[in-house]
């Protein structure tokens, strides 16, 4: 919903994702390096190898965590895909994905990015940052009443 694999690839960068993936999975696959083709197939197409399937599952798990986190903050809004695309939610999702996918979650720069993204989500939940134009509330039909004056309208 909020996480788009191509946006994450563009935001974090292929080299960054490769570093995260190789740091996480190279030991388990006998030091087999994940290539750019493996990463692209795993995230944007159908995985063909066990390594690509593992990378795809790793990404899907992180995406589910990020989507659930963001949805918890914006559940009161009924957002369309176009409204999500035009809001800061895709960028926030990319920053949260960086934290979810990294293999060193104590890195100060990644922690600072996550903290900033969570602060933005908090502002969105409080209404400080608007992600959707508010719709005016209707109070029912307009009622009219006779004018409340003492003027003699019939004699006029």
C-alpha atoms as a PDB file:
ATOM      1  CA  UNK A   1       0.000   0.000   0.000  1.00  0.00           C
ATOM      2  CA  UNK A   2       2.570   2.588   1.090  1.00  0.00           C
ATOM      3  CA  UNK A   3       5.733   0.700   0.088  1.00  0.00           C
ATOM      4  CA  UNK A   4       6.524   0.608  -3.615  1.00  0.00           C
ATOM      5  CA  UNK A   5       9.556  -1.557  -4.529  1.00  0.00           C
ATOM      6  CA  UNK A   6      10.638   0.711  -7.379  1.00  0.00           C
ATOM      7  CA  UNK A   7      10.419   3.790  -5.133  1.00  0.00           C
ATOM      8  CA  UNK A   8      12.455   2.008  -2.443  1.00  0.00           C
ATOM      9  CA  UNK A   9      15.048   1.012  -5.063  1.00  0.00           C
ATOM     10  CA  UNK A  10      15.285   4.623  -6.219  1.00  0.00           C
ATOM     11  CA  UNK A  11      15.325   6.085  -2.697  1.00  0.00           C
ATOM     12  CA  UNK A  12      17.814   3.773  -1.039  1.00  0.00           C
ATOM     13  CA  UNK A  13      19.688   2.928  -4.202  1.00  0.00           C
ATOM     14  CA  UNK A  14      20.667  -0.396  -5.673  1.00  0.00           C
ATOM     15  CA  UNK A  15      24.116  -0.305  -4.065  1.00  0.00           C
ATOM     16  CA  UNK A  16      22.641   0.398  -0.638  1.00  0.00           C
ATOM     17  CA  UNK A  17      20.153  -2.449  -0.942  1.00  0.00           C
ATOM     18  CA  UNK A  18      22.875  -4.757  -2.226  1.00  0.00           C
ATOM     19  CA  UNK A  19      25.027  -3.902   0.801  1.00  0.00           C
ATOM     20  CA  UNK A  20      22.108  -4.598   3.145  1.00  0.00           C
ATOM     21  CA  UNK A  21      21.203  -7.877   1.407  1.00  0.00           C
ATOM     22  CA  UNK A  22      24.776  -9.138   1.143  1.00  0.00           C
ATOM     23  CA  UNK A  23      25.417  -8.253   4.771  1.00  0.00           C
ATOM     24  CA  UNK A  24      22.383 -10.236   5.807  1.00  0.00           C
ATOM     25  CA  UNK A  25      22.460 -13.265   3.484  1.00  0.00           C
ATOM     26  CA  UNK A  26      26.004 -13.798   2.169  1.00  0.00           C
ATOM     27  CA  UNK A  27      27.014 -15.938   5.147  1.00  0.00           C
ATOM     28  CA  UNK A  28      23.995 -18.229   4.844  1.00  0.00           C
ATOM     29  CA  UNK A  29      24.599 -18.823   1.144  1.00  0.00           C
ATOM     30  CA  UNK A  30      28.288 -19.748   1.334  1.00  0.00           C
ATOM     31  CA  UNK A  31      29.488 -16.196   0.657  1.00  0.00           C
ATOM     32  CA  UNK A  32      27.501 -16.070  -2.587  1.00  0.00           C
ATOM     33  CA  UNK A  33      27.169 -12.406  -3.472  1.00  0.00           C
ATOM     34  CA  UNK A  34      23.758 -11.060  -4.373  1.00  0.00           C
ATOM     35  CA  UNK A  35      23.948  -9.249  -7.683  1.00  0.00           C
ATOM     36  CA  UNK A  36      21.927  -6.365  -9.055  1.00  0.00           C
ATOM     37  CA  UNK A  37      20.042  -8.804 -11.296  1.00  0.00           C
ATOM     38  CA  UNK A  38      19.158 -10.955  -8.274  1.00  0.00           C
ATOM     39  CA  UNK A  39      17.866  -7.898  -6.459  1.00  0.00           C
ATOM     40  CA  UNK A  40      15.811  -6.633  -9.399  1.00  0.00           C
ATOM     41  CA  UNK A  41      14.262 -10.044 -10.035  1.00  0.00           C
ATOM     42  CA  UNK A  42      13.497 -10.499  -6.345  1.00  0.00           C
ATOM     43  CA  UNK A  43      11.818  -7.121  -5.924  1.00  0.00           C
ATOM     44  CA  UNK A  44      10.184  -6.335  -9.254  1.00  0.00           C
ATOM     45  CA  UNK A  45       9.646  -9.700 -10.976  1.00  0.00           C
ATOM     46  CA  UNK A  46       9.328 -13.384 -10.137  1.00  0.00           C
ATOM     47  CA  UNK A  47      12.274 -14.833  -8.210  1.00  0.00           C
ATOM     48  CA  UNK A  48      14.012 -17.719  -9.969  1.00  0.00           C
ATOM     49  CA  UNK A  49      16.502 -18.994  -7.386  1.00  0.00           C
ATOM     50  CA  UNK A  50      16.396 -19.762  -3.670  1.00  0.00           C
ATOM     51  CA  UNK A  51      18.568 -16.731  -2.970  1.00  0.00           C
ATOM     52  CA  UNK A  52      16.212 -14.440  -4.918  1.00  0.00           C
ATOM     53  CA  UNK A  53      13.208 -15.944  -3.121  1.00  0.00           C
ATOM     54  CA  UNK A  54      14.886 -15.299   0.224  1.00  0.00           C
ATOM     55  CA  UNK A  55      15.572 -11.689  -0.736  1.00  0.00           C
ATOM     56  CA  UNK A  56      11.963 -11.279  -1.937  1.00  0.00           C
ATOM     57  CA  UNK A  57      10.600 -12.665   1.343  1.00  0.00           C
ATOM     58  CA  UNK A  58      12.953 -10.426   3.333  1.00  0.00           C
ATOM     59  CA  UNK A  59      11.681  -7.398   1.433  1.00  0.00           C
ATOM     60  CA  UNK A  60       8.017  -8.440   1.747  1.00  0.00           C
ATOM     61  CA  UNK A  61       8.358  -8.887   5.512  1.00  0.00           C
ATOM     62  CA  UNK A  62       9.947  -5.449   5.881  1.00  0.00           C
ATOM     63  CA  UNK A  63       7.273  -3.920   3.619  1.00  0.00           C
ATOM     64  CA  UNK A  64       4.491  -5.491   5.708  1.00  0.00           C
ATOM     65  CA  UNK A  65       6.032  -4.056   8.891  1.00  0.00           C
ATOM     66  CA  UNK A  66       6.300  -0.573   7.367  1.00  0.00           C
ATOM     67  CA  UNK A  67       2.816  -0.666   5.835  1.00  0.00           C
ATOM     68  CA  UNK A  68       1.307  -1.693   9.178  1.00  0.00           C
ATOM     69  CA  UNK A  69       3.198   1.039  11.016  1.00  0.00           C
ATOM     70  CA  UNK A  70       2.089   3.762   8.617  1.00  0.00           C
ATOM     71  CA  UNK A  71      -1.470   2.468   8.482  1.00  0.00           C
ATOM     72  CA  UNK A  72      -1.634   2.730  12.267  1.00  0.00           C
ATOM     73  CA  UNK A  73      -0.989   6.454  11.982  1.00  0.00           C
ATOM     74  CA  UNK A  74      -3.256   7.209   9.014  1.00  0.00           C
ATOM     75  CA  UNK A  75      -6.081   4.728   9.615  1.00  0.00           C
ATOM     76  CA  UNK A  76      -8.578   7.536  10.170  1.00  0.00           C
ATOM     77  CA  UNK A  77      -8.004   8.817   6.617  1.00  0.00           C
ATOM     78  CA  UNK A  78      -9.490   7.063   3.629  1.00  0.00           C
ATOM     79  CA  UNK A  79      -6.637   7.540   1.187  1.00  0.00           C
ATOM     80  CA  UNK A  80      -6.719   6.682  -2.484  1.00  0.00           C
ATOM     81  CA  UNK A  81      -3.549   5.565  -4.275  1.00  0.00           C
ATOM     82  CA  UNK A  82      -3.336   8.985  -5.954  1.00  0.00           C
ATOM     83  CA  UNK A  83      -3.501  10.734  -2.575  1.00  0.00           C
ATOM     84  CA  UNK A  84      -0.793   8.432  -1.210  1.00  0.00           C
ATOM     85  CA  UNK A  85       1.430   9.188  -4.215  1.00  0.00           C
ATOM     86  CA  UNK A  86       1.020  12.942  -3.780  1.00  0.00           C
ATOM     87  CA  UNK A  87       1.621  12.870  -0.022  1.00  0.00           C
ATOM     88  CA  UNK A  88       4.879  12.462   1.897  1.00  0.00           C
ATOM     89  CA  UNK A  89       3.913   8.888   2.819  1.00  0.00           C
ATOM     90  CA  UNK A  90       6.010   7.230   0.079  1.00  0.00           C
ATOM     91  CA  UNK A  91       9.127   9.040   1.310  1.00  0.00           C
ATOM     92  CA  UNK A  92       8.361   8.126   4.901  1.00  0.00           C
ATOM     93  CA  UNK A  93       7.889   4.509   3.827  1.00  0.00           C
ATOM     94  CA  UNK A  94      11.280   4.526   2.093  1.00  0.00           C
ATOM     95  CA  UNK A  95      12.991   5.854   5.230  1.00  0.00           C
ATOM     96  CA  UNK A  96      11.305   3.234   7.397  1.00  0.00           C
ATOM     97  CA  UNK A  97      12.272   0.541   4.867  1.00  0.00           C
ATOM     98  CA  UNK A  98      15.889   1.667   5.136  1.00  0.00           C
ATOM     99  CA  UNK A  99      15.734   0.922   8.857  1.00  0.00           C
ATOM    100  CA  UNK A 100      13.882  -2.386   8.392  1.00  0.00           C
ATOM    101  CA  UNK A 101      16.296  -3.660   5.747  1.00  0.00           C
ATOM    102  CA  UNK A 102      19.587  -2.497   7.221  1.00  0.00           C
ATOM    103  CA  UNK A 103      21.885  -4.988   8.875  1.00  0.00           C
ATOM    104  CA  UNK A 104      23.165  -2.489  11.461  1.00  0.00           C
ATOM    105  CA  UNK A 105      20.146  -0.990  13.190  1.00  0.00           C
ATOM    106  CA  UNK A 106      22.343   0.937  15.620  1.00  0.00           C
ATOM    107  CA  UNK A 107      23.812   3.145  12.873  1.00  0.00           C
ATOM    108  CA  UNK A 108      23.240   6.740  13.996  1.00  0.00           C
ATOM    109  CA  UNK A 109      22.298   8.067  10.558  1.00  0.00           C
ATOM    110  CA  UNK A 110      19.733   5.323   9.974  1.00  0.00           C
ATOM    111  CA  UNK A 111      18.304   5.800  13.478  1.00  0.00           C
ATOM    112  CA  UNK A 112      18.034   9.564  12.885  1.00  0.00           C
ATOM    113  CA  UNK A 113      16.213   8.989   9.582  1.00  0.00           C
ATOM    114  CA  UNK A 114      13.801   6.573  11.256  1.00  0.00           C
ATOM    115  CA  UNK A 115      13.204   9.023  14.104  1.00  0.00           C
ATOM    116  CA  UNK A 116      12.436  11.842  11.637  1.00  0.00           C
ATOM    117  CA  UNK A 117      10.061   9.606   9.673  1.00  0.00           C
ATOM    118  CA  UNK A 118       8.225   8.602  12.847  1.00  0.00           C
ATOM    119  CA  UNK A 119       7.954  12.255  13.880  1.00  0.00           C
ATOM    120  CA  UNK A 120       6.417  13.077  10.489  1.00  0.00           C
ATOM    121  CA  UNK A 121       3.926  10.244  10.939  1.00  0.00           C
ATOM    122  CA  UNK A 122       3.028  11.628  14.350  1.00  0.00           C
ATOM    123  CA  UNK A 123       2.436  15.074  12.813  1.00  0.00           C
ATOM    124  CA  UNK A 124       0.254  13.512  10.124  1.00  0.00           C
ATOM    125  CA  UNK A 125      -1.783  11.679  12.765  1.00  0.00           C
ATOM    126  CA  UNK A 126      -2.253  14.928  14.707  1.00  0.00           C
ATOM    127  CA  UNK A 127      -3.261  16.840  11.581  1.00  0.00           C
ATOM    128  CA  UNK A 128      -0.255  19.177  11.556  1.00  0.00           C
ATOM    129  CA  UNK A 129       0.759  17.757   8.170  1.00  0.00           C
ATOM    130  CA  UNK A 130      -2.226  17.156   5.923  1.00  0.00           C
ATOM    131  CA  UNK A 131      -2.208  14.200   3.583  1.00  0.00           C
ATOM    132  CA  UNK A 132      -5.778  14.654   2.446  1.00  0.00           C
ATOM    133  CA  UNK A 133      -7.911  17.725   1.935  1.00  0.00           C
ATOM    134  CA  UNK A 134     -10.574  17.864   4.596  1.00  0.00           C
ATOM    135  CA  UNK A 135     -14.151  17.622   3.464  1.00  0.00           C
ATOM    136  CA  UNK A 136     -16.634  20.081   4.908  1.00  0.00           C
ATOM    137  CA  UNK A 137     -19.054  18.600   7.390  1.00  0.00           C
ATOM    138  CA  UNK A 138     -22.705  18.863   6.476  1.00  0.00           C
ATOM    139  CA  UNK A 139     -25.136  19.933   9.150  1.00  0.00           C
ATOM    140  CA  UNK A 140     -28.284  18.913   7.291  1.00  0.00           C
ATOM    141  CA  UNK A 141     -30.657  20.875   5.105  1.00  0.00           C
ATOM    142  CA  UNK A 142     -30.927  24.631   5.404  1.00  0.00           C
ATOM    143  CA  UNK A 143     -34.056  25.734   7.188  1.00  0.00           C
ATOM    144  CA  UNK A 144     -35.734  29.059   6.698  1.00  0.00           C
ATOM    145  CA  UNK A 145     -38.155  30.755   9.068  1.00  0.00           C
ATOM    146  CA  UNK A 146     -40.402  33.754   8.841  1.00  0.00           C
ATOM    147  CA  UNK A 147     -38.607  36.996   9.718  1.00  0.00           C
ATOM    148  CA  UNK A 148     -38.852  37.789  13.389  1.00  0.00           C
ATOM    149  CA  UNK A 149     -39.822  41.444  13.212  1.00  0.00           C
ATOM    150  CA  UNK A 150     -42.720  43.546  14.427  1.00  0.00           C
ATOM    151  CA  UNK A 151     -43.187  45.236  11.072  1.00  0.00           C
ATOM    152  CA  UNK A 152     -46.669  45.023   9.589  1.00  0.00           C
ATOM    153  CA  UNK A 153     -45.938  43.470   6.196  1.00  0.00           C
ATOM    154  CA  UNK A 154     -49.587  43.276   5.112  1.00  0.00           C
ATOM    155  CA  UNK A 155     -50.149  47.014   5.524  1.00  0.00           C
ATOM    156  CA  UNK A 156     -47.109  47.910   3.531  1.00  0.00           C
END
